[in-house]
C-alpha atoms as a PDB file:
ATOM      1  CA  MET A   1     -11.565  -4.978   9.341  1.00  0.00           C
ATOM      2  CA  GLU A   2     -14.135  -5.646   6.669  1.00  0.00           C
ATOM      3  CA  ILE A   3     -13.517  -8.890   4.825  1.00  0.00           C
ATOM      4  CA  CYS A   4     -14.153  -9.014   1.082  1.00  0.00           C
ATOM      5  CA  PRO A   5     -14.109 -12.191  -1.012  1.00  0.00           C
ATOM      6  CA  TRP A   6     -10.844 -11.399  -2.714  1.00  0.00           C
ATOM      7  CA  VAL A   7      -8.894 -10.449   0.424  1.00  0.00           C
ATOM      8  CA  SER A   8      -8.073 -12.672   3.376  1.00  0.00           C
ATOM      9  CA  THR A   9      -6.737 -11.783   6.829  1.00  0.00           C
ATOM     10  CA  SER A  10      -6.786 -15.367   8.099  1.00  0.00           C
ATOM     11  CA  SER A  11      -5.839 -18.855   7.002  1.00  0.00           C
ATOM     12  CA  ALA A  12      -6.747 -20.067   3.543  1.00  0.00           C
ATOM     13  CA  VAL A  13      -6.403 -23.443   1.832  1.00  0.00           C
ATOM     14  CA  ASP A  14      -4.384 -24.119  -1.292  1.00  0.00           C
ATOM     15  CA  ASP A  15      -7.279 -24.307  -3.798  1.00  0.00           C
ATOM     16  CA  ASP A  16      -8.952 -22.351  -6.568  1.00  0.00           C
ATOM     17  CA  THR A  17     -11.520 -20.755  -4.207  1.00  0.00           C
ATOM     18  CA  ALA A  18      -9.038 -19.198  -1.778  1.00  0.00           C
ATOM     19  CA  PRO A  19      -9.025 -15.372  -1.514  1.00  0.00           C
ATOM     20  CA  LEU A  20      -6.774 -13.642  -4.021  1.00  0.00           C
ATOM     21  CA  PHE A  21      -4.749 -11.702  -1.428  1.00  0.00           C
ATOM     22  CA  TYR A  22      -3.756 -11.894   2.201  1.00  0.00           C
ATOM     23  CA  ARG A  23      -1.606  -9.903   4.573  1.00  0.00           C
ATOM     24  CA  ALA A  24       1.437 -11.815   5.792  1.00  0.00           C
ATOM     25  CA  SER A  25       1.657  -9.760   9.003  1.00  0.00           C
ATOM     26  CA  LYS A  26      -0.303  -7.034  10.759  1.00  0.00           C
ATOM     27  CA  GLY A  27       2.306  -4.476   9.813  1.00  0.00           C
ATOM     28  CA  GLY A  28       2.711  -5.612   6.222  1.00  0.00           C
ATOM     29  CA  TYR A  29       0.894  -5.080   2.921  1.00  0.00           C
ATOM     30  CA  TYR A  30      -1.219  -7.463   0.836  1.00  0.00           C
ATOM     31  CA  THR A  31       0.356 -10.156  -1.307  1.00  0.00           C
ATOM     32  CA  PRO A  32      -1.186 -12.561  -3.830  1.00  0.00           C
ATOM     33  CA  ILE A  33      -2.243 -16.094  -2.944  1.00  0.00           C
ATOM     34  CA  ALA A  34      -1.305 -18.254  -5.920  1.00  0.00           C
ATOM     35  CA  GLY A  35      -3.553 -21.168  -5.066  1.00  0.00           C
ATOM     36  CA  LYS A  36      -3.293 -23.739  -7.845  1.00  0.00           C
ATOM     37  CA  ASN A  37      -2.590 -21.130 -10.539  1.00  0.00           C
ATOM     38  CA  THR A  38      -5.487 -22.467 -12.625  1.00  0.00           C
ATOM     39  CA  PRO A  39      -6.558 -20.504 -15.718  1.00  0.00           C
ATOM     40  CA  HIS A  40      -9.690 -19.329 -13.920  1.00  0.00           C
ATOM     41  CA  ARG A  41      -7.685 -18.004 -11.001  1.00  0.00           C
ATOM     42  CA  LEU A  42      -5.042 -16.372 -13.197  1.00  0.00           C
ATOM     43  CA  ASN A  43      -7.810 -14.627 -15.118  1.00  0.00           C
ATOM     44  CA  ALA A  44      -9.084 -13.238 -11.795  1.00  0.00           C
ATOM     45  CA  PHE A  45      -5.623 -11.815 -11.101  1.00  0.00           C
ATOM     46  CA  ARG A  46      -5.550 -10.346 -14.597  1.00  0.00           C
ATOM     47  CA  ASN A  47      -8.845  -8.621 -13.819  1.00  0.00           C
ATOM     48  CA  VAL A  48      -7.294  -7.198 -10.656  1.00  0.00           C
ATOM     49  CA  GLY A  49      -4.532  -5.802 -12.846  1.00  0.00           C
ATOM     50  CA  ARG A  50      -7.166  -4.273 -15.139  1.00  0.00           C
ATOM     51  CA  MET A  51      -8.773  -2.624 -12.104  1.00  0.00           C
ATOM     52  CA  ILE A  52      -5.372  -1.130 -11.240  1.00  0.00           C
ATOM     53  CA  GLY A  53      -5.008   0.117 -14.795  1.00  0.00           C
ATOM     54  CA  ILE A  54      -8.490   1.673 -14.749  1.00  0.00           C
ATOM     55  CA  CYS A  55      -7.706   3.404 -11.428  1.00  0.00           C
ATOM     56  CA  LEU A  56      -4.516   4.836 -12.931  1.00  0.00           C
ATOM     57  CA  MET A  57      -6.287   5.964 -16.096  1.00  0.00           C
ATOM     58  CA  GLN A  58      -9.269   7.490 -14.295  1.00  0.00           C
ATOM     59  CA  MET A  59      -7.182   8.918 -11.406  1.00  0.00           C
ATOM     60  CA  GLU A  60      -9.129   6.875  -8.867  1.00  0.00           C
ATOM     61  CA  ILE A  61      -7.796   5.423  -5.613  1.00  0.00           C
ATOM     62  CA  PHE A  62      -7.132   1.665  -5.594  1.00  0.00           C
ATOM     63  CA  PRO A  63      -8.220   0.532  -2.103  1.00  0.00           C
ATOM     64  CA  LEU A  64      -5.819  -2.391  -1.706  1.00  0.00           C
ATOM     65  CA  HIS A  65      -2.290  -1.607  -0.530  1.00  0.00           C
ATOM     66  CA  VAL A  66      -0.238  -4.372  -2.172  1.00  0.00           C
ATOM     67  CA  CYS A  67       3.337  -5.239  -1.251  1.00  0.00           C
ATOM     68  CA  ARG A  68       6.177  -3.319  -2.832  1.00  0.00           C
ATOM     69  CA  HIS A  69       7.415  -6.362  -4.775  1.00  0.00           C
ATOM     70  CA  VAL A  70       4.028  -6.511  -6.544  1.00  0.00           C
ATOM     71  CA  LEU A  71       4.393  -2.894  -7.666  1.00  0.00           C
ATOM     72  CA  LYS A  72       7.983  -3.448  -8.735  1.00  0.00           C
ATOM     73  CA  PHE A  73       6.950  -6.512 -10.763  1.00  0.00           C
ATOM     74  CA  ILE A  74       4.383  -4.401 -12.558  1.00  0.00           C
ATOM     75  CA  LEU A  75       7.068  -1.817 -13.311  1.00  0.00           C
ATOM     76  CA  GLY A  76       9.528  -4.497 -14.442  1.00  0.00           C
ATOM     77  CA  ARG A  77      12.042  -3.553 -11.776  1.00  0.00           C
ATOM     78  CA  PRO A  78      14.303  -6.071  -9.985  1.00  0.00           C
ATOM     79  CA  ILE A  79      13.100  -7.336  -6.608  1.00  0.00           C
ATOM     80  CA  ASN A  80      15.568  -7.520  -3.745  1.00  0.00           C
ATOM     81  CA  TRP A  81      15.556  -8.588  -0.147  1.00  0.00           C
ATOM     82  CA  PHE A  82      14.764  -5.089   1.148  1.00  0.00           C
ATOM     83  CA  ASP A  83      11.282  -5.571  -0.333  1.00  0.00           C
ATOM     84  CA  LEU A  84      10.706  -8.208   2.323  1.00  0.00           C
ATOM     85  CA  ALA A  85      10.237  -5.378   4.837  1.00  0.00           C
ATOM     86  CA  PHE A  86       6.932  -4.454   3.109  1.00  0.00           C
ATOM     87  CA  TYR A  87       5.893  -8.099   2.886  1.00  0.00           C
ATOM     88  CA  ASP A  88       6.557  -9.015   6.530  1.00  0.00           C
ATOM     89  CA  PRO A  89       8.485  -6.514   8.690  1.00  0.00           C
ATOM     90  CA  THR A  90       8.997  -9.072  11.477  1.00  0.00           C
ATOM     91  CA  LEU A  91      10.402 -11.668   9.097  1.00  0.00           C
ATOM     92  CA  PHE A  92      12.621  -9.021   7.470  1.00  0.00           C
ATOM     93  CA  GLU A  93      14.071  -8.076  10.864  1.00  0.00           C
ATOM     94  CA  SER A  94      14.722 -11.725  11.677  1.00  0.00           C
ATOM     95  CA  MET A  95      16.600 -12.237   8.405  1.00  0.00           C
ATOM     96  CA  ARG A  96      18.557  -9.032   8.922  1.00  0.00           C
ATOM     97  CA  THR A  97      19.787 -10.198  12.306  1.00  0.00           C
ATOM     98  CA  LEU A  98      21.328 -13.249  10.643  1.00  0.00           C
ATOM     99  CA  VAL A  99      23.934 -10.924   9.162  1.00  0.00           C
ATOM    100  CA  PHE A 100      24.052  -7.950  11.521  1.00  0.00           C
ATOM    101  CA  ASN A 101      22.706  -7.521  15.032  1.00  0.00           C
ATOM    102  CA  ASP A 102      24.450  -4.762  17.013  1.00  0.00           C
ATOM    103  CA  GLY A 103      27.636  -5.867  15.211  1.00  0.00           C
ATOM    104  CA  PRO A 104      28.698  -8.662  12.865  1.00  0.00           C
ATOM    105  CA  ILE A 105      27.332 -12.120  13.673  1.00  0.00           C
ATOM    106  CA  ARG A 106      29.879 -14.731  14.727  1.00  0.00           C
ATOM    107  CA  PRO A 107      30.033 -17.963  12.710  1.00  0.00           C
ATOM    108  CA  ASP A 108      29.115 -20.057  15.754  1.00  0.00           C
ATOM    109  CA  GLN A 109      25.941 -17.992  16.304  1.00  0.00           C
ATOM    110  CA  ILE A 110      24.651 -18.956  12.842  1.00  0.00           C
ATOM    111  CA  ASN A 111      25.610 -22.593  13.315  1.00  0.00           C
ATOM    112  CA  GLU A 112      23.646 -22.718  16.579  1.00  0.00           C
ATOM    113  CA  LEU A 113      20.439 -21.865  14.715  1.00  0.00           C
ATOM    114  CA  LEU A 114      20.589 -25.212  12.848  1.00  0.00           C
ATOM    115  CA  LEU A 115      19.146 -23.707   9.655  1.00  0.00           C
ATOM    116  CA  THR A 116      19.095 -25.538   6.332  1.00  0.00           C
ATOM    117  CA  PHE A 117      18.356 -24.404   2.760  1.00  0.00           C
ATOM    118  CA  GLU A 118      14.609 -24.905   2.978  1.00  0.00           C
ATOM    119  CA  VAL A 119      11.624 -22.751   3.830  1.00  0.00           C
ATOM    120  CA  TYR A 120       8.387 -23.531   5.636  1.00  0.00           C
ATOM    121  CA  LEU A 121       5.484 -21.902   3.797  1.00  0.00           C
ATOM    122  CA  PRO A 122       2.472 -20.531   5.651  1.00  0.00           C
ATOM    123  CA  ILE A 123      -0.905 -22.146   5.075  1.00  0.00           C
ATOM    124  CA  GLU A 124      -2.006 -19.151   2.962  1.00  0.00           C
ATOM    125  CA  GLU A 125       0.793 -19.928   0.513  1.00  0.00           C
ATOM    126  CA  GLY A 126       0.042 -23.629   0.389  1.00  0.00           C
ATOM    127  CA  GLY A 127       1.924 -24.802   3.431  1.00  0.00           C
ATOM    128  CA  GLY A 128       4.621 -27.488   3.429  1.00  0.00           C
ATOM    129  CA  VAL A 129       8.363 -27.246   3.019  1.00  0.00           C
ATOM    130  CA  VAL A 130      10.198 -26.084  -0.076  1.00  0.00           C
ATOM    131  CA  GLU A 131      13.907 -26.672  -0.714  1.00  0.00           C
ATOM    132  CA  LEU A 132      15.737 -23.479  -1.697  1.00  0.00           C
ATOM    133  CA  LYS A 133      18.175 -25.506  -3.810  1.00  0.00           C
ATOM    134  CA  ARG A 134      18.584 -29.135  -4.762  1.00  0.00           C
ATOM    135  CA  GLY A 135      19.181 -31.181  -1.590  1.00  0.00           C
ATOM    136  CA  GLY A 136      18.635 -28.076   0.485  1.00  0.00           C
ATOM    137  CA  SER A 137      17.253 -29.968   3.482  1.00  0.00           C
ATOM    138  CA  LYS A 138      20.756 -31.444   3.979  1.00  0.00           C
ATOM    139  CA  ILE A 139      22.708 -28.252   3.369  1.00  0.00           C
ATOM    140  CA  PRO A 140      23.330 -26.306   6.604  1.00  0.00           C
ATOM    141  CA  VAL A 141      23.351 -22.491   6.630  1.00  0.00           C
ATOM    142  CA  THR A 142      26.801 -21.268   7.653  1.00  0.00           C
ATOM    143  CA  HIS A 143      28.624 -17.980   7.924  1.00  0.00           C
ATOM    144  CA  GLU A 144      29.931 -18.509   4.369  1.00  0.00           C
ATOM    145  CA  ASN A 145      26.592 -19.117   2.654  1.00  0.00           C
ATOM    146  CA  VAL A 146      24.154 -17.117   4.830  1.00  0.00           C
ATOM    147  CA  VAL A 147      23.831 -14.354   2.215  1.00  0.00           C
ATOM    148  CA  GLU A 148      22.925 -16.903  -0.458  1.00  0.00           C
ATOM    149  CA  TYR A 149      20.373 -18.395   1.939  1.00  0.00           C
ATOM    150  CA  ILE A 150      18.733 -15.009   2.524  1.00  0.00           C
ATOM    151  CA  TYR A 151      18.421 -14.236  -1.183  1.00  0.00           C
ATOM    152  CA  ARG A 152      17.044 -17.674  -2.002  1.00  0.00           C
ATOM    153  CA  PHE A 153      14.639 -17.441   0.944  1.00  0.00           C
ATOM    154  CA  VAL A 154      13.310 -14.044  -0.217  1.00  0.00           C
ATOM    155  CA  GLU A 155      12.941 -15.262  -3.791  1.00  0.00           C
ATOM    156  CA  ALA A 156      10.975 -18.316  -2.668  1.00  0.00           C
ATOM    157  CA  ARG A 157       8.617 -16.302  -0.458  1.00  0.00           C
ATOM    158  CA  MET A 158       7.907 -13.329  -2.724  1.00  0.00           C
ATOM    159  CA  LEU A 159       8.254 -14.940  -6.152  1.00  0.00           C
ATOM    160  CA  GLY A 160       8.419 -18.742  -6.263  1.00  0.00           C
ATOM    161  CA  ASN A 161       4.931 -20.065  -6.950  1.00  0.00           C
ATOM    162  CA  HIS A 162       3.606 -16.507  -7.295  1.00  0.00           C
ATOM    163  CA  LEU A 163       5.287 -15.729 -10.604  1.00  0.00           C
ATOM    164  CA  LYS A 164       2.289 -16.687 -12.711  1.00  0.00           C
ATOM    165  CA  CYS A 165      -0.223 -14.607 -10.736  1.00  0.00           C
ATOM    166  CA  LEU A 166       2.184 -11.646 -10.652  1.00  0.00           C
ATOM    167  CA  GLU A 167       2.576 -11.903 -14.445  1.00  0.00           C
ATOM    168  CA  ALA A 168      -1.234 -12.040 -14.783  1.00  0.00           C
ATOM    169  CA  ILE A 169      -1.608  -8.854 -12.712  1.00  0.00           C
ATOM    170  CA  LYS A 170       1.018  -7.110 -14.817  1.00  0.00           C
ATOM    171  CA  GLN A 171      -0.702  -8.191 -18.044  1.00  0.00           C
ATOM    172  CA  GLY A 172      -3.993  -6.847 -16.739  1.00  0.00           C
ATOM    173  CA  VAL A 173      -2.494  -3.456 -15.970  1.00  0.00           C
ATOM    174  CA  TYR A 174      -1.079  -3.120 -19.484  1.00  0.00           C
ATOM    175  CA  ASP A 175      -4.349  -4.316 -20.993  1.00  0.00           C
ATOM    176  CA  VAL A 176      -5.689  -0.892 -19.936  1.00  0.00           C
ATOM    177  CA  ILE A 177      -2.768   1.527 -20.094  1.00  0.00           C
ATOM    178  CA  PRO A 178      -0.094   1.761 -22.806  1.00  0.00           C
ATOM    179  CA  ALA A 179       3.029  -0.328 -22.317  1.00  0.00           C
ATOM    180  CA  GLY A 180       5.899   1.812 -21.125  1.00  0.00           C
ATOM    181  CA  SER A 181       3.680   4.484 -19.603  1.00  0.00           C
ATOM    182  CA  LEU A 182       5.050   3.677 -16.132  1.00  0.00           C
ATOM    183  CA  ALA A 183       8.647   3.246 -17.299  1.00  0.00           C
ATOM    184  CA  HIS A 184      10.097   6.140 -15.325  1.00  0.00           C
ATOM    185  CA  MET A 185       8.226   5.499 -12.082  1.00  0.00           C
ATOM    186  CA  THR A 186       9.568   3.952  -8.876  1.00  0.00           C
ATOM    187  CA  SER A 187       7.453   1.645  -6.743  1.00  0.00           C
ATOM    188  CA  GLU A 188       6.966   4.497  -4.275  1.00  0.00           C
ATOM    189  CA  ASP A 189       5.709   6.768  -7.077  1.00  0.00           C
ATOM    190  CA  LEU A 190       3.269   4.116  -8.211  1.00  0.00           C
ATOM    191  CA  ARG A 191       1.968   3.471  -4.696  1.00  0.00           C
ATOM    192  CA  LEU A 192       1.398   7.158  -4.097  1.00  0.00           C
ATOM    193  CA  LEU A 193      -0.370   7.583  -7.450  1.00  0.00           C
ATOM    194  CA  LEU A 194      -2.440   4.454  -6.988  1.00  0.00           C
ATOM    195  CA  CYS A 195      -3.272   4.474  -3.277  1.00  0.00           C
ATOM    196  CA  GLY A 196      -2.613   8.023  -2.186  1.00  0.00           C
ATOM    197  CA  THR A 197      -1.338   8.696   1.315  1.00  0.00           C
ATOM    198  CA  GLN A 198      -3.057   8.238   4.656  1.00  0.00           C
ATOM    199  CA  GLU A 199      -1.084  11.055   6.284  1.00  0.00           C
ATOM    200  CA  VAL A 200      -2.154  14.655   5.717  1.00  0.00           C
ATOM    201  CA  SER A 201       0.481  17.331   6.221  1.00  0.00           C
ATOM    202  CA  MET A 202      -0.591  20.352   8.251  1.00  0.00           C
ATOM    203  CA  THR A 203       1.669  22.480   6.047  1.00  0.00           C
ATOM    204  CA  LEU A 204      -0.243  21.218   2.990  1.00  0.00           C
ATOM    205  CA  MET A 205      -3.594  22.029   4.596  1.00  0.00           C
ATOM    206  CA  GLN A 206      -2.456  25.540   5.483  1.00  0.00           C
ATOM    207  CA  SER A 207      -1.142  26.165   1.991  1.00  0.00           C
ATOM    208  CA  TYR A 208      -4.613  25.421   0.533  1.00  0.00           C
ATOM    209  CA  THR A 209      -6.534  27.495   3.074  1.00  0.00           C
ATOM    210  CA  THR A 210      -7.490  31.163   3.046  1.00  0.00           C
ATOM    211  CA  PHE A 211      -9.628  32.944   5.651  1.00  0.00           C
ATOM    212  CA  THR A 212     -12.274  35.478   4.669  1.00  0.00           C
ATOM    213  CA  ASP A 213     -13.298  37.839   7.474  1.00  0.00           C
ATOM    214  CA  GLU A 214     -16.926  38.902   7.050  1.00  0.00           C
ATOM    215  CA  SER A 215     -17.242  40.263  10.605  1.00  0.00           C
ATOM    216  CA  SER A 216     -14.959  43.300  10.216  1.00  0.00           C
ATOM    217  CA  ALA A 217     -13.218  42.170  13.373  1.00  0.00           C
ATOM    218  CA  ALA A 218      -9.800  43.439  14.366  1.00  0.00           C
ATOM    219  CA  ALA A 219      -6.754  41.767  12.834  1.00  0.00           C
ATOM    220  CA  ASP A 220      -5.680  40.309  16.161  1.00  0.00           C
ATOM    221  CA  VAL A 221      -9.082  38.598  16.564  1.00  0.00           C
ATOM    222  CA  LEU A 222      -8.734  36.985  13.132  1.00  0.00           C
ATOM    223  CA  GLN A 223      -5.227  35.865  14.012  1.00  0.00           C
ATOM    224  CA  ARG A 224      -6.429  34.282  17.246  1.00  0.00           C
ATOM    225  CA  PHE A 225      -9.134  32.472  15.308  1.00  0.00           C
ATOM    226  CA  LYS A 226      -6.580  31.145  12.841  1.00  0.00           C
ATOM    227  CA  SER A 227      -4.331  29.931  15.669  1.00  0.00           C
ATOM    228  CA  TRP A 228      -7.291  28.268  17.383  1.00  0.00           C
ATOM    229  CA  PHE A 229      -8.446  26.666  14.117  1.00  0.00           C
ATOM    230  CA  TRP A 230      -5.063  25.108  13.302  1.00  0.00           C
ATOM    231  CA  SER A 231      -4.547  24.069  16.898  1.00  0.00           C
ATOM    232  CA  VAL A 232      -7.798  22.063  16.740  1.00  0.00           C
ATOM    233  CA  CYS A 233      -6.948  20.621  13.313  1.00  0.00           C
ATOM    234  CA  SER A 234      -3.544  19.459  14.496  1.00  0.00           C
ATOM    235  CA  LYS A 235      -5.318  17.184  17.004  1.00  0.00           C
ATOM    236  CA  PHE A 236      -7.528  15.556  14.365  1.00  0.00           C
ATOM    237  CA  THR A 237      -7.016  12.004  13.250  1.00  0.00           C
ATOM    238  CA  SER A 238      -5.724  11.390   9.730  1.00  0.00           C
ATOM    239  CA  GLN A 239      -9.238  10.612   8.517  1.00  0.00           C
ATOM    240  CA  GLU A 240     -10.586  13.866  10.003  1.00  0.00           C
ATOM    241  CA  LYS A 241      -7.763  15.835   8.403  1.00  0.00           C
ATOM    242  CA  GLN A 242      -8.612  14.222   5.036  1.00  0.00           C
ATOM    243  CA  ALA A 243     -12.220  15.332   5.472  1.00  0.00           C
ATOM    244  CA  VAL A 244     -11.230  18.911   6.231  1.00  0.00           C
ATOM    245  CA  LEU A 245      -8.801  19.039   3.330  1.00  0.00           C
ATOM    246  CA  ALA A 246     -11.487  17.691   0.964  1.00  0.00           C
ATOM    247  CA  ILE A 247     -13.870  20.439   2.102  1.00  0.00           C
ATOM    248  CA  ILE A 248     -11.212  23.106   1.646  1.00  0.00           C
ATOM    249  CA  LEU A 249     -10.507  21.901  -1.883  1.00  0.00           C
ATOM    250  CA  GLU A 250     -14.257  21.631  -2.606  1.00  0.00           C
ATOM    251  CA  GLN A 251     -14.724  25.221  -1.407  1.00  0.00           C
ATOM    252  CA  GLU A 252     -12.042  26.384  -3.835  1.00  0.00           C
ATOM    253  CA  SER A 253     -13.748  24.448  -6.631  1.00  0.00           C
ATOM    254  CA  ALA A 254     -17.098  25.993  -5.668  1.00  0.00           C
ATOM    255  CA  GLU A 255     -15.696  29.536  -5.844  1.00  0.00           C
ATOM    256  CA  ASN A 256     -14.338  28.815  -9.304  1.00  0.00           C
ATOM    257  CA  LYS A 257     -17.725  27.574 -10.441  1.00  0.00           C
ATOM    258  CA  ILE A 258     -19.391  30.760  -9.146  1.00  0.00           C
ATOM    259  CA  VAL A 259     -16.972  32.794 -11.197  1.00  0.00           C
ATOM    260  CA  ASP A 260     -17.794  30.659 -14.196  1.00  0.00           C
ATOM    261  CA  GLY A 261     -21.532  31.400 -13.720  1.00  0.00           C
ATOM    262  CA  ASP A 262     -22.595  27.935 -12.520  1.00  0.00           C
ATOM    263  CA  GLN A 263     -25.836  28.810 -10.688  1.00  0.00           C
ATOM    264  CA  GLY A 264     -27.631  25.445 -11.168  1.00  0.00           C
ATOM    265  CA  GLU A 265     -29.854  24.064  -8.400  1.00  0.00           C
ATOM    266  CA  GLU A 266     -27.694  20.936  -8.022  1.00  0.00           C
ATOM    267  CA  PHE A 267     -24.633  23.065  -7.473  1.00  0.00           C
ATOM    268  CA  TRP A 268     -26.254  25.149  -4.717  1.00  0.00           C
ATOM    269  CA  LEU A 269     -27.659  22.103  -2.967  1.00  0.00           C
ATOM    270  CA  ARG A 270     -24.141  20.617  -2.928  1.00  0.00           C
ATOM    271  CA  LEU A 271     -22.710  23.889  -1.624  1.00  0.00           C
ATOM    272  CA  ILE A 272     -25.260  24.029   1.213  1.00  0.00           C
ATOM    273  CA  LYS A 273     -24.485  20.433   2.145  1.00  0.00           C
ATOM    274  CA  MET A 274     -20.774  21.206   2.143  1.00  0.00           C
ATOM    275  CA  ALA A 275     -21.312  24.213   4.414  1.00  0.00           C
ATOM    276  CA  SER A 276     -23.298  22.086   6.844  1.00  0.00           C
ATOM    277  CA  VAL A 277     -20.487  19.538   7.064  1.00  0.00           C
ATOM    278  CA  TYR A 278     -17.937  22.286   7.548  1.00  0.00           C
ATOM    279  CA  LYS A 279     -20.021  23.759  10.403  1.00  0.00           C
ATOM    280  CA  HIS A 280     -20.321  20.331  12.001  1.00  0.00           C
ATOM    281  CA  LEU A 281     -16.572  19.782  11.867  1.00  0.00           C
ATOM    282  CA  ILE A 282     -15.830  23.186  13.409  1.00  0.00           C
ATOM    283  CA  PHE A 283     -18.412  23.304  16.173  1.00  0.00           C
ATOM    284  CA  PHE A 284     -18.691  19.683  17.142  1.00  0.00           C
END
């Protein structure tokens, strides 16, 4: 994975020069690194928010897939413990098994874990131990208070010291777009609008595709070609499917421009290049 100065995939120290984001687990999304929450760092997070706002306004793809709790904070929606699944799926599963694991957990099973109301932070989040409530290091987690422990744990990991940088990101977004313009969106809507989707539906590709037979071949020959074409496409990777779909949509745009009388040299050069890519995809 390419490393950029504002994203980290490894350990970072708790200072003002640490990367702005890191991924808590291989299966999770990116979350902010608060660092020392200095004005300079918070301004950097606000600029990230402005970039998000510009992407939304200009209908561009934002390349960083942030955690769901970041999107929900931007939308002003409450954050709950289910959002932990997008932050760290492994950690979420571990917390879930404290309450239910192939059946209700017995009180003695929780007691055997010897948990207390404190959380050990990873080095990317500053490291050290944080009490989840006053005197938490001396308060054991029991069957009666395990739910409270989970909620306090989630709040400390996803909010806690991150509140200022999350607020800065939110401010940056609304520096660019009008306040309230995202009021009716869910976090899933915002992610799709902001980052798109990496999966391309074959049904979607087929709905955008028409075949023009310039060979005067029999109908059954054209049908065999269609079946062969979609059979090959179904074996493509997601990235290859995205490339084919982009070419199909570009072809439709090109046909519309021909109808509109766009005969410029730049247009035809782009059309020839597009045809060459299409040929390469089909025959190689």
